[in-house]
Amino acid sequence: MNNTQHSPDFAALALRARGMSDAGLLWSERDALDAATHADALDAAGVPVLKTGGYYRDEASVFRVELLRRRRV
């Protein structure tokens, strides 16, 4: 059985992002991208991961979109 989570709940994540500060969004985006790098490395080494690198990149993109939305408003 594969319990790997491939994509986040985008609606819930976007709602959470709306309540974050700009600094929190920037930090969370960087953290998600770092986690993606590590998840990819673990996966390449054959270590089972619960969340893939793609999951974390999707998460980072939600934070980036919220930052961009704020700059357009």
C-alpha atoms as a PDB file:
ATOM      1  CA  MET A   1       0.000   0.000   0.000  1.00  0.00           C
ATOM      2  CA  ASN A   2       1.364   3.400  -0.989  1.00  0.00           C
ATOM      3  CA  ASN A   3       0.535   6.172   1.502  1.00  0.00           C
ATOM      4  CA  THR A   4       2.437   8.878  -0.347  1.00  0.00           C
ATOM      5  CA  GLN A   5       0.543  12.155  -0.489  1.00  0.00           C
ATOM      6  CA  HIS A   6       0.986  13.608  -3.958  1.00  0.00           C
ATOM      7  CA  SER A   7      -0.854  16.928  -3.737  1.00  0.00           C
ATOM      8  CA  PRO A   8      -1.998  19.244  -0.961  1.00  0.00           C
ATOM      9  CA  ASP A   9      -5.534  20.430  -0.291  1.00  0.00           C
ATOM     10  CA  PHE A  10      -5.136  23.608  -2.337  1.00  0.00           C
ATOM     11  CA  ALA A  11      -8.274  25.325  -1.031  1.00  0.00           C
ATOM     12  CA  ALA A  12      -7.318  24.786   2.619  1.00  0.00           C
ATOM     13  CA  LEU A  13      -3.733  25.819   1.970  1.00  0.00           C
ATOM     14  CA  ALA A  14      -4.803  28.992   0.131  1.00  0.00           C
ATOM     15  CA  LEU A  15      -7.081  29.894   3.032  1.00  0.00           C
ATOM     16  CA  ARG A  16      -4.209  29.387   5.476  1.00  0.00           C
ATOM     17  CA  ALA A  17      -1.889  31.471   3.274  1.00  0.00           C
ATOM     18  CA  ARG A  18      -4.361  34.370   3.294  1.00  0.00           C
ATOM     19  CA  GLY A  19      -3.998  34.617   7.058  1.00  0.00           C
ATOM     20  CA  MET A  20      -0.189  34.639   7.033  1.00  0.00           C
ATOM     21  CA  SER A  21       2.090  37.665   7.121  1.00  0.00           C
ATOM     22  CA  ASP A  22       4.323  38.429   4.135  1.00  0.00           C
ATOM     23  CA  ALA A  23       7.343  37.318   6.159  1.00  0.00           C
ATOM     24  CA  GLY A  24       5.553  34.094   7.087  1.00  0.00           C
ATOM     25  CA  LEU A  25       4.720  33.431   3.453  1.00  0.00           C
ATOM     26  CA  LEU A  26       8.306  34.037   2.346  1.00  0.00           C
ATOM     27  CA  TRP A  27       9.667  31.765   5.074  1.00  0.00           C
ATOM     28  CA  SER A  28       7.079  29.063   4.366  1.00  0.00           C
ATOM     29  CA  GLU A  29       7.791  29.151   0.636  1.00  0.00           C
ATOM     30  CA  ARG A  30      11.547  28.732   1.266  1.00  0.00           C
ATOM     31  CA  ASP A  31      10.892  25.962   3.808  1.00  0.00           C
ATOM     32  CA  ALA A  32       8.638  24.090   1.370  1.00  0.00           C
ATOM     33  CA  LEU A  33      11.251  24.313  -1.392  1.00  0.00           C
ATOM     34  CA  ASP A  34      13.938  23.027   0.979  1.00  0.00           C
ATOM     35  CA  ALA A  35      11.645  20.171   2.017  1.00  0.00           C
ATOM     36  CA  ALA A  36      11.077  19.343  -1.669  1.00  0.00           C
ATOM     37  CA  THR A  37      14.821  19.043  -2.227  1.00  0.00           C
ATOM     38  CA  HIS A  38      15.187  16.707   0.749  1.00  0.00           C
ATOM     39  CA  ALA A  39      12.129  14.625  -0.157  1.00  0.00           C
ATOM     40  CA  ASP A  40      13.487  14.173  -3.689  1.00  0.00           C
ATOM     41  CA  ALA A  41      16.864  13.077  -2.318  1.00  0.00           C
ATOM     42  CA  LEU A  42      15.267  10.582   0.053  1.00  0.00           C
ATOM     43  CA  ASP A  43      13.059   9.221  -2.709  1.00  0.00           C
ATOM     44  CA  ALA A  44      16.060   8.859  -5.047  1.00  0.00           C
ATOM     45  CA  ALA A  45      17.879   6.924  -2.320  1.00  0.00           C
ATOM     46  CA  GLY A  46      14.946   4.533  -2.032  1.00  0.00           C
ATOM     47  CA  VAL A  47      13.740   5.835   1.320  1.00  0.00           C
ATOM     48  CA  PRO A  48       9.931   5.882   1.526  1.00  0.00           C
ATOM     49  CA  VAL A  49       8.508   9.404   1.896  1.00  0.00           C
ATOM     50  CA  LEU A  50       5.010  10.378   3.006  1.00  0.00           C
ATOM     51  CA  LYS A  51       5.005  13.574   0.963  1.00  0.00           C
ATOM     52  CA  THR A  52       6.804  13.847  -2.372  1.00  0.00           C
ATOM     53  CA  GLY A  53       8.976  16.707  -3.549  1.00  0.00           C
ATOM     54  CA  GLY A  54       6.138  17.685  -5.851  1.00  0.00           C
ATOM     55  CA  TYR A  55       3.816  18.040  -2.866  1.00  0.00           C
ATOM     56  CA  TYR A  56       6.158  20.572  -1.284  1.00  0.00           C
ATOM     57  CA  ARG A  57       6.654  22.441  -4.573  1.00  0.00           C
ATOM     58  CA  ASP A  58       2.862  22.708  -4.902  1.00  0.00           C
ATOM     59  CA  GLU A  59       2.726  24.048  -1.359  1.00  0.00           C
ATOM     60  CA  ALA A  60       5.431  26.619  -2.147  1.00  0.00           C
ATOM     61  CA  SER A  61       3.525  27.744  -5.233  1.00  0.00           C
ATOM     62  CA  VAL A  62       0.428  28.503  -3.156  1.00  0.00           C
ATOM     63  CA  PHE A  63       2.503  30.747  -0.881  1.00  0.00           C
ATOM     64  CA  ARG A  64       4.088  32.473  -3.909  1.00  0.00           C
ATOM     65  CA  VAL A  65       0.676  33.053  -5.539  1.00  0.00           C
ATOM     66  CA  GLU A  66      -0.605  34.678  -2.345  1.00  0.00           C
ATOM     67  CA  LEU A  67       2.409  36.986  -2.218  1.00  0.00           C
ATOM     68  CA  LEU A  68       1.882  37.954  -5.858  1.00  0.00           C
ATOM     69  CA  ARG A  69      -1.843  38.492  -5.267  1.00  0.00           C
ATOM     70  CA  ARG A  70      -1.054  40.931  -2.462  1.00  0.00           C
ATOM     71  CA  ARG A  71       1.336  42.890  -4.642  1.00  0.00           C
ATOM     72  CA  ARG A  72      -1.306  43.293  -7.368  1.00  0.00           C
ATOM     73  CA  VAL A  73      -3.993  44.519  -4.981  1.00  0.00           C
END
